[in-house]
C-alpha atoms as a PDB file:
ATOM      1  CA  UNK A   1      -4.225 -74.392  34.115  1.00  0.00           C
ATOM      2  CA  UNK A   2      -3.746 -73.044  30.593  1.00  0.00           C
ATOM      3  CA  UNK A   3      -3.861 -69.827  28.630  1.00  0.00           C
ATOM      4  CA  UNK A   4      -4.334 -69.113  24.942  1.00  0.00           C
ATOM      5  CA  UNK A   5      -2.095 -66.657  23.124  1.00  0.00           C
ATOM      6  CA  UNK A   6      -2.698 -65.393  19.599  1.00  0.00           C
ATOM      7  CA  UNK A   7      -5.576 -63.696  17.834  1.00  0.00           C
ATOM      8  CA  UNK A   8      -7.280 -66.424  15.839  1.00  0.00           C
ATOM      9  CA  UNK A   9     -10.996 -65.807  15.477  1.00  0.00           C
ATOM     10  CA  UNK A  10     -12.176 -68.834  13.515  1.00  0.00           C
ATOM     11  CA  UNK A  11     -11.172 -72.143  12.000  1.00  0.00           C
ATOM     12  CA  UNK A  12     -11.212 -70.675   8.488  1.00  0.00           C
ATOM     13  CA  UNK A  13      -9.061 -67.692   9.299  1.00  0.00           C
ATOM     14  CA  UNK A  14      -6.649 -66.800   6.473  1.00  0.00           C
ATOM     15  CA  UNK A  15      -3.163 -67.667   7.605  1.00  0.00           C
ATOM     16  CA  UNK A  16      -4.147 -70.730   9.606  1.00  0.00           C
ATOM     17  CA  UNK A  17      -1.422 -73.382   9.628  1.00  0.00           C
ATOM     18  CA  UNK A  18      -2.307 -76.967   8.848  1.00  0.00           C
ATOM     19  CA  UNK A  19      -0.459 -80.226   8.360  1.00  0.00           C
ATOM     20  CA  UNK A  20      -0.667 -82.298   5.204  1.00  0.00           C
ATOM     21  CA  UNK A  21       1.245 -85.551   5.306  1.00  0.00           C
ATOM     22  CA  UNK A  22       4.563 -84.816   6.992  1.00  0.00           C
ATOM     23  CA  UNK A  23       4.727 -81.165   5.968  1.00  0.00           C
ATOM     24  CA  UNK A  24       3.127 -77.941   7.185  1.00  0.00           C
ATOM     25  CA  UNK A  25       1.399 -75.306   5.059  1.00  0.00           C
ATOM     26  CA  UNK A  26      -0.350 -71.986   5.556  1.00  0.00           C
ATOM     27  CA  UNK A  27      -3.901 -71.454   4.328  1.00  0.00           C
ATOM     28  CA  UNK A  28      -3.361 -68.169   2.529  1.00  0.00           C
ATOM     29  CA  UNK A  29      -3.966 -66.573  -0.832  1.00  0.00           C
ATOM     30  CA  UNK A  30      -0.252 -65.881  -1.085  1.00  0.00           C
ATOM     31  CA  UNK A  31       2.267 -68.348  -2.436  1.00  0.00           C
ATOM     32  CA  UNK A  32       4.805 -69.613   0.078  1.00  0.00           C
ATOM     33  CA  UNK A  33       8.137 -67.815  -0.361  1.00  0.00           C
ATOM     34  CA  UNK A  34      10.209 -69.675   2.228  1.00  0.00           C
ATOM     35  CA  UNK A  35      10.583 -73.272   3.356  1.00  0.00           C
ATOM     36  CA  UNK A  36      11.959 -74.027   6.810  1.00  0.00           C
ATOM     37  CA  UNK A  37      13.183 -77.583   7.306  1.00  0.00           C
ATOM     38  CA  UNK A  38      13.244 -78.954  10.850  1.00  0.00           C
ATOM     39  CA  UNK A  39      14.415 -82.549  11.189  1.00  0.00           C
ATOM     40  CA  UNK A  40      13.247 -83.403   7.653  1.00  0.00           C
ATOM     41  CA  UNK A  41       9.811 -81.857   8.188  1.00  0.00           C
ATOM     42  CA  UNK A  42       9.110 -78.960   5.801  1.00  0.00           C
ATOM     43  CA  UNK A  43       7.209 -75.802   6.737  1.00  0.00           C
ATOM     44  CA  UNK A  44       5.993 -73.917   3.640  1.00  0.00           C
ATOM     45  CA  UNK A  45       5.587 -70.405   5.009  1.00  0.00           C
ATOM     46  CA  UNK A  46       6.012 -66.687   4.286  1.00  0.00           C
ATOM     47  CA  UNK A  47       8.968 -64.507   5.174  1.00  0.00           C
ATOM     48  CA  UNK A  48       7.169 -61.478   6.569  1.00  0.00           C
ATOM     49  CA  UNK A  49       5.254 -63.149   9.444  1.00  0.00           C
ATOM     50  CA  UNK A  50       8.442 -64.966  10.464  1.00  0.00           C
ATOM     51  CA  UNK A  51      10.924 -62.082  10.341  1.00  0.00           C
ATOM     52  CA  UNK A  52       8.474 -59.758  12.089  1.00  0.00           C
ATOM     53  CA  UNK A  53       8.658 -61.913  15.235  1.00  0.00           C
ATOM     54  CA  UNK A  54      11.690 -64.226  14.947  1.00  0.00           C
ATOM     55  CA  UNK A  55      15.076 -62.541  15.215  1.00  0.00           C
ATOM     56  CA  UNK A  56      16.958 -65.738  14.388  1.00  0.00           C
ATOM     57  CA  UNK A  57      15.092 -66.322  11.134  1.00  0.00           C
ATOM     58  CA  UNK A  58      15.413 -62.648  10.213  1.00  0.00           C
ATOM     59  CA  UNK A  59      19.187 -62.977  10.586  1.00  0.00           C
ATOM     60  CA  UNK A  60      19.274 -66.231   8.601  1.00  0.00           C
ATOM     61  CA  UNK A  61      17.390 -64.644   5.706  1.00  0.00           C
ATOM     62  CA  UNK A  62      19.469 -61.470   5.829  1.00  0.00           C
ATOM     63  CA  UNK A  63      22.746 -63.385   5.632  1.00  0.00           C
ATOM     64  CA  UNK A  64      21.509 -65.829   2.989  1.00  0.00           C
ATOM     65  CA  UNK A  65      22.739 -65.635  -0.583  1.00  0.00           C
ATOM     66  CA  UNK A  66      19.655 -67.513  -1.766  1.00  0.00           C
ATOM     67  CA  UNK A  67      17.883 -65.611  -4.538  1.00  0.00           C
ATOM     68  CA  UNK A  68      15.233 -68.226  -5.323  1.00  0.00           C
ATOM     69  CA  UNK A  69      11.583 -67.218  -5.023  1.00  0.00           C
ATOM     70  CA  UNK A  70      10.920 -70.130  -2.667  1.00  0.00           C
ATOM     71  CA  UNK A  71      14.138 -70.249  -0.663  1.00  0.00           C
ATOM     72  CA  UNK A  72      14.820 -73.068   1.758  1.00  0.00           C
ATOM     73  CA  UNK A  73      16.652 -73.025   5.076  1.00  0.00           C
ATOM     74  CA  UNK A  74      17.468 -75.874   7.436  1.00  0.00           C
ATOM     75  CA  UNK A  75      16.909 -74.976  11.076  1.00  0.00           C
ATOM     76  CA  UNK A  76      19.304 -76.983  13.232  1.00  0.00           C
ATOM     77  CA  UNK A  77      18.936 -77.446  16.979  1.00  0.00           C
ATOM     78  CA  UNK A  78      15.362 -76.225  17.376  1.00  0.00           C
ATOM     79  CA  UNK A  79      14.091 -77.263  20.837  1.00  0.00           C
ATOM     80  CA  UNK A  80      11.342 -79.838  20.498  1.00  0.00           C
ATOM     81  CA  UNK A  81      12.083 -80.356  16.807  1.00  0.00           C
ATOM     82  CA  UNK A  82       9.166 -79.891  14.372  1.00  0.00           C
ATOM     83  CA  UNK A  83       6.620 -79.873  17.187  1.00  0.00           C
ATOM     84  CA  UNK A  84       8.470 -77.067  18.937  1.00  0.00           C
ATOM     85  CA  UNK A  85       8.827 -75.001  15.762  1.00  0.00           C
ATOM     86  CA  UNK A  86       5.140 -75.464  14.925  1.00  0.00           C
ATOM     87  CA  UNK A  87       4.194 -73.536  18.090  1.00  0.00           C
ATOM     88  CA  UNK A  88       6.349 -70.597  17.029  1.00  0.00           C
ATOM     89  CA  UNK A  89       5.091 -70.706  13.438  1.00  0.00           C
ATOM     90  CA  UNK A  90       1.461 -70.690  14.545  1.00  0.00           C
ATOM     91  CA  UNK A  91       2.138 -67.732  16.834  1.00  0.00           C
ATOM     92  CA  UNK A  92       3.739 -65.818  13.942  1.00  0.00           C
ATOM     93  CA  UNK A  93       0.508 -66.213  11.970  1.00  0.00           C
ATOM     94  CA  UNK A  94      -1.644 -65.219  14.972  1.00  0.00           C
ATOM     95  CA  UNK A  95      -3.012 -68.741  15.311  1.00  0.00           C
ATOM     96  CA  UNK A  96      -4.087 -69.674  18.819  1.00  0.00           C
ATOM     97  CA  UNK A  97      -1.275 -71.267  20.827  1.00  0.00           C
ATOM     98  CA  UNK A  98      -2.364 -72.833  24.099  1.00  0.00           C
ATOM     99  CA  UNK A  99       0.220 -72.525  26.854  1.00  0.00           C
ATOM    100  CA  UNK A 100      -0.070 -75.214  29.514  1.00  0.00           C
ATOM    101  CA  UNK A 101       2.220 -76.998  31.985  1.00  0.00           C
ATOM    102  CA  UNK A 102       2.894 -79.871  29.600  1.00  0.00           C
ATOM    103  CA  UNK A 103       4.238 -77.654  26.804  1.00  0.00           C
ATOM    104  CA  UNK A 104       5.382 -74.414  28.439  1.00  0.00           C
ATOM    105  CA  UNK A 105       9.034 -75.414  28.817  1.00  0.00           C
ATOM    106  CA  UNK A 106       9.255 -76.425  25.158  1.00  0.00           C
ATOM    107  CA  UNK A 107       7.502 -73.286  23.897  1.00  0.00           C
ATOM    108  CA  UNK A 108       9.645 -71.068  26.111  1.00  0.00           C
ATOM    109  CA  UNK A 109      12.847 -72.718  24.867  1.00  0.00           C
ATOM    110  CA  UNK A 110      11.708 -72.370  21.238  1.00  0.00           C
ATOM    111  CA  UNK A 111      10.866 -68.688  21.742  1.00  0.00           C
ATOM    112  CA  UNK A 112      14.311 -68.090  23.228  1.00  0.00           C
ATOM    113  CA  UNK A 113      16.040 -70.090  20.465  1.00  0.00           C
ATOM    114  CA  UNK A 114      14.255 -68.124  17.728  1.00  0.00           C
ATOM    115  CA  UNK A 115      14.836 -64.806  19.541  1.00  0.00           C
ATOM    116  CA  UNK A 116      11.142 -63.961  19.682  1.00  0.00           C
ATOM    117  CA  UNK A 117      11.740 -60.894  21.837  1.00  0.00           C
ATOM    118  CA  UNK A 118      10.179 -57.464  22.278  1.00  0.00           C
ATOM    119  CA  UNK A 119      12.862 -56.068  19.971  1.00  0.00           C
ATOM    120  CA  UNK A 120      10.986 -57.588  17.044  1.00  0.00           C
ATOM    121  CA  UNK A 121       7.372 -57.450  18.202  1.00  0.00           C
ATOM    122  CA  UNK A 122       5.477 -56.251  21.255  1.00  0.00           C
ATOM    123  CA  UNK A 123       3.944 -59.000  23.384  1.00  0.00           C
ATOM    124  CA  UNK A 124       6.100 -61.508  21.557  1.00  0.00           C
ATOM    125  CA  UNK A 125       6.110 -65.204  22.379  1.00  0.00           C
ATOM    126  CA  UNK A 126       9.072 -65.102  24.762  1.00  0.00           C
ATOM    127  CA  UNK A 127       7.334 -62.545  26.958  1.00  0.00           C
ATOM    128  CA  UNK A 128       4.097 -64.544  26.839  1.00  0.00           C
ATOM    129  CA  UNK A 129       5.861 -67.675  28.064  1.00  0.00           C
ATOM    130  CA  UNK A 130       7.744 -65.778  30.770  1.00  0.00           C
ATOM    131  CA  UNK A 131       4.460 -64.318  32.035  1.00  0.00           C
ATOM    132  CA  UNK A 132       2.868 -67.771  32.126  1.00  0.00           C
ATOM    133  CA  UNK A 133       5.817 -69.292  33.961  1.00  0.00           C
ATOM    134  CA  UNK A 134       5.863 -66.575  36.617  1.00  0.00           C
ATOM    135  CA  UNK A 135       2.125 -66.022  37.052  1.00  0.00           C
ATOM    136  CA  UNK A 136       0.847 -69.584  36.670  1.00  0.00           C
ATOM    137  CA  UNK A 137       3.452 -72.330  36.614  1.00  0.00           C
ATOM    138  CA  UNK A 138       5.532 -71.282  39.612  1.00  0.00           C
ATOM    139  CA  UNK A 139       2.417 -70.688  41.707  1.00  0.00           C
ATOM    140  CA  UNK A 140       0.941 -74.173  41.442  1.00  0.00           C
ATOM    141  CA  UNK A 141       2.381 -77.406  42.822  1.00  0.00           C
ATOM    142  CA  UNK A 142       0.726 -79.736  40.292  1.00  0.00           C
ATOM    143  CA  UNK A 143       1.613 -77.509  37.337  1.00  0.00           C
ATOM    144  CA  UNK A 144       5.280 -77.397  38.373  1.00  0.00           C
ATOM    145  CA  UNK A 145       5.412 -81.177  38.639  1.00  0.00           C
ATOM    146  CA  UNK A 146       3.690 -81.552  35.279  1.00  0.00           C
ATOM    147  CA  UNK A 147       6.183 -79.240  33.608  1.00  0.00           C
ATOM    148  CA  UNK A 148       9.166 -81.058  35.089  1.00  0.00           C
ATOM    149  CA  UNK A 149       7.806 -84.398  33.886  1.00  0.00           C
ATOM    150  CA  UNK A 150       7.348 -83.210  30.310  1.00  0.00           C
ATOM    151  CA  UNK A 151      10.554 -81.361  29.444  1.00  0.00           C
ATOM    152  CA  UNK A 152      12.625 -84.268  28.095  1.00  0.00           C
ATOM    153  CA  UNK A 153      12.477 -82.980  24.505  1.00  0.00           C
ATOM    154  CA  UNK A 154      14.285 -79.780  25.474  1.00  0.00           C
ATOM    155  CA  UNK A 155      16.076 -80.789  28.667  1.00  0.00           C
ATOM    156  CA  UNK A 156      19.419 -79.139  27.889  1.00  0.00           C
ATOM    157  CA  UNK A 157      17.807 -75.863  26.799  1.00  0.00           C
ATOM    158  CA  UNK A 158      15.541 -75.781  29.855  1.00  0.00           C
ATOM    159  CA  UNK A 159      18.539 -76.354  32.110  1.00  0.00           C
ATOM    160  CA  UNK A 160      20.455 -73.587  30.330  1.00  0.00           C
ATOM    161  CA  UNK A 161      17.596 -71.125  30.828  1.00  0.00           C
ATOM    162  CA  UNK A 162      17.380 -72.182  34.490  1.00  0.00           C
ATOM    163  CA  UNK A 163      13.655 -72.912  34.221  1.00  0.00           C
ATOM    164  CA  UNK A 164      14.062 -76.293  35.882  1.00  0.00           C
ATOM    165  CA  UNK A 165      15.846 -74.706  38.821  1.00  0.00           C
ATOM    166  CA  UNK A 166      13.071 -72.115  39.128  1.00  0.00           C
ATOM    167  CA  UNK A 167      10.490 -74.900  39.267  1.00  0.00           C
ATOM    168  CA  UNK A 168      12.483 -76.792  41.897  1.00  0.00           C
ATOM    169  CA  UNK A 169      12.883 -73.626  43.968  1.00  0.00           C
ATOM    170  CA  UNK A 170       9.157 -72.887  43.704  1.00  0.00           C
ATOM    171  CA  UNK A 171       8.318 -76.427  44.816  1.00  0.00           C
ATOM    172  CA  UNK A 172      10.651 -76.071  47.778  1.00  0.00           C
ATOM    173  CA  UNK A 173       8.985 -72.836  48.864  1.00  0.00           C
ATOM    174  CA  UNK A 174       5.493 -74.317  48.502  1.00  0.00           C
ATOM    175  CA  UNK A 175       6.523 -77.446  50.415  1.00  0.00           C
ATOM    176  CA  UNK A 176       7.861 -75.308  53.259  1.00  0.00           C
ATOM    177  CA  UNK A 177       4.561 -73.421  53.440  1.00  0.00           C
ATOM    178  CA  UNK A 178       2.491 -76.607  53.274  1.00  0.00           C
ATOM    179  CA  UNK A 179       4.513 -79.763  54.118  1.00  0.00           C
ATOM    180  CA  UNK A 180       1.592 -82.013  53.119  1.00  0.00           C
ATOM    181  CA  UNK A 181       2.267 -81.167  49.472  1.00  0.00           C
ATOM    182  CA  UNK A 182       5.584 -83.004  49.594  1.00  0.00           C
ATOM    183  CA  UNK A 183       3.711 -86.208  50.448  1.00  0.00           C
ATOM    184  CA  UNK A 184       2.065 -86.355  47.014  1.00  0.00           C
ATOM    185  CA  UNK A 185       3.622 -89.079  44.828  1.00  0.00           C
ATOM    186  CA  UNK A 186       5.147 -87.243  41.877  1.00  0.00           C
ATOM    187  CA  UNK A 187       4.479 -90.093  39.461  1.00  0.00           C
ATOM    188  CA  UNK A 188       0.746 -89.802  40.128  1.00  0.00           C
ATOM    189  CA  UNK A 189       0.607 -86.427  38.390  1.00  0.00           C
ATOM    190  CA  UNK A 190      -0.778 -87.975  35.222  1.00  0.00           C
ATOM    191  CA  UNK A 191      -4.032 -88.816  36.997  1.00  0.00           C
ATOM    192  CA  UNK A 192      -4.432 -85.325  38.427  1.00  0.00           C
ATOM    193  CA  UNK A 193      -6.029 -82.418  36.628  1.00  0.00           C
ATOM    194  CA  UNK A 194      -5.202 -78.758  37.118  1.00  0.00           C
ATOM    195  CA  UNK A 195      -8.013 -76.316  37.912  1.00  0.00           C
ATOM    196  CA  UNK A 196     -10.176 -75.473  34.913  1.00  0.00           C
ATOM    197  CA  UNK A 197      -9.752 -71.712  35.145  1.00  0.00           C
ATOM    198  CA  UNK A 198      -7.986 -70.063  32.227  1.00  0.00           C
ATOM    199  CA  UNK A 199      -5.233 -67.556  32.825  1.00  0.00           C
ATOM    200  CA  UNK A 200      -5.933 -64.393  30.842  1.00  0.00           C
ATOM    201  CA  UNK A 201      -2.364 -63.090  30.747  1.00  0.00           C
ATOM    202  CA  UNK A 202      -3.526 -59.758  32.158  1.00  0.00           C
ATOM    203  CA  UNK A 203      -1.973 -58.367  35.305  1.00  0.00           C
END
């Protein structure tokens, strides 16, 4: 099961992020005024969309002595590396970000790392991921297993945020309610598909 977050309304939307070679750019009429480097991958972006939703980047820019028009900052320790940061960057530009069991732990860890909280923007990415975890992930046996099998890229962060423990607890509760679930081979998850319904995020 998956849900889309963001407000993108077309492939040619101004502000759409795209990759060219190893680097990321934003399709916009405005010149990039900040470069974020994540594990040698460069993201040529704009300050305003980032600082309006990312507390960590807002603090980095505020404390920087860089006066160049196109300032550059190296982001160390980002969960999931460039792939993880790309989810957050797309969300900042209102590009569609699909939340699903195979990426939710990474996206949640990135949102926490970048401090994408309600303090900076309503319905920010951290809240979106928390809603998905509680309303979708922890309610479905296959989704929980899928998430646990795909969190290697941010294992330490996921452990710190206790998401893994929440998944294990949810599996335990579901197994108690229906013992036949525990008989499913966990390594067979890759051949199973979650229901096709899309979670709307509305309660």
